[in-house]
Amino acid sequence: MDQGIVGSIFTVIVFVCFIGIVWWAFSGRNKQKFDEAANLPFADEEKEKSKED
């Protein structure tokens, strides 16, 4: 195999991995988990406000 074929195979593998990651990220079954993770930075605000009072 020459360098062109190896490069093409690598490109296809990376593209398939990218499509898999996009599919996983936008699948509906992960929405609740991602929403909870998105709100994690705001979870500590109530604790910090109570310490200041």
Protein backbone atom coordinates (compact mmCIF):
# COMPACT_ATOMS: atom_id res chain seq x y z
CA MET A 1 0.00 0.00 0.00
CA ASP A 2 1.27 3.41 -0.85
CA GLN A 3 0.81 6.62 1.09
CA GLY A 4 -2.28 7.69 -0.87
CA ILE A 5 -4.25 4.56 0.02
CA VAL A 6 -3.23 4.73 3.69
CA GLY A 7 -4.26 8.40 3.79
CA SER A 8 -7.60 7.61 2.21
CA ILE A 9 -8.30 4.79 4.67
CA PHE A 10 -7.36 7.03 7.59
CA THR A 11 -9.65 9.79 6.28
CA VAL A 12 -12.58 7.38 6.03
CA ILE A 13 -11.97 6.05 9.55
CA VAL A 14 -11.80 9.57 11.02
CA PHE A 15 -14.98 10.57 9.12
CA VAL A 16 -16.86 7.54 10.42
CA CYS A 17 -15.73 8.34 13.98
CA PHE A 18 -16.88 11.94 13.54
CA ILE A 19 -20.31 10.84 12.31
CA GLY A 20 -20.56 8.45 15.28
CA ILE A 21 -19.75 11.21 17.76
CA VAL A 22 -22.27 13.58 16.16
CA TRP A 23 -24.92 10.83 16.22
CA TRP A 24 -24.20 10.15 19.91
CA ALA A 25 -24.24 13.84 20.86
CA PHE A 26 -27.56 14.57 19.20
CA SER A 27 -29.38 11.37 20.09
CA GLY A 28 -32.52 11.88 22.13
CA ARG A 29 -31.69 9.44 24.89
CA ASN A 30 -28.75 11.58 26.08
CA LYS A 31 -30.72 14.83 26.28
CA GLN A 32 -31.56 14.61 30.00
CA LYS A 33 -27.96 13.78 30.93
CA PHE A 34 -26.61 16.67 28.83
CA ASP A 35 -29.19 19.10 30.28
CA GLU A 36 -28.13 18.16 33.80
CA ALA A 37 -24.46 18.60 32.89
CA ALA A 38 -25.19 22.00 31.32
CA ASN A 39 -26.72 23.22 34.59
CA LEU A 40 -23.88 22.04 36.84
CA PRO A 41 -22.09 25.44 36.94
CA PHE A 42 -25.25 27.00 38.40
CA ALA A 43 -25.68 24.37 41.12
CA ASP A 44 -23.04 25.93 43.39
CA GLU A 45 -24.48 29.45 43.28
CA GLU A 46 -27.07 28.76 46.00
CA LYS A 47 -24.42 27.37 48.33
CA GLU A 48 -22.16 30.39 47.80
CA LYS A 49 -25.01 32.84 48.44
CA SER A 50 -25.90 31.13 51.70
CA LYS A 51 -22.28 31.39 52.91
CA GLU A 52 -22.24 35.15 52.31
CA ASP A 53 -25.41 35.77 54.36
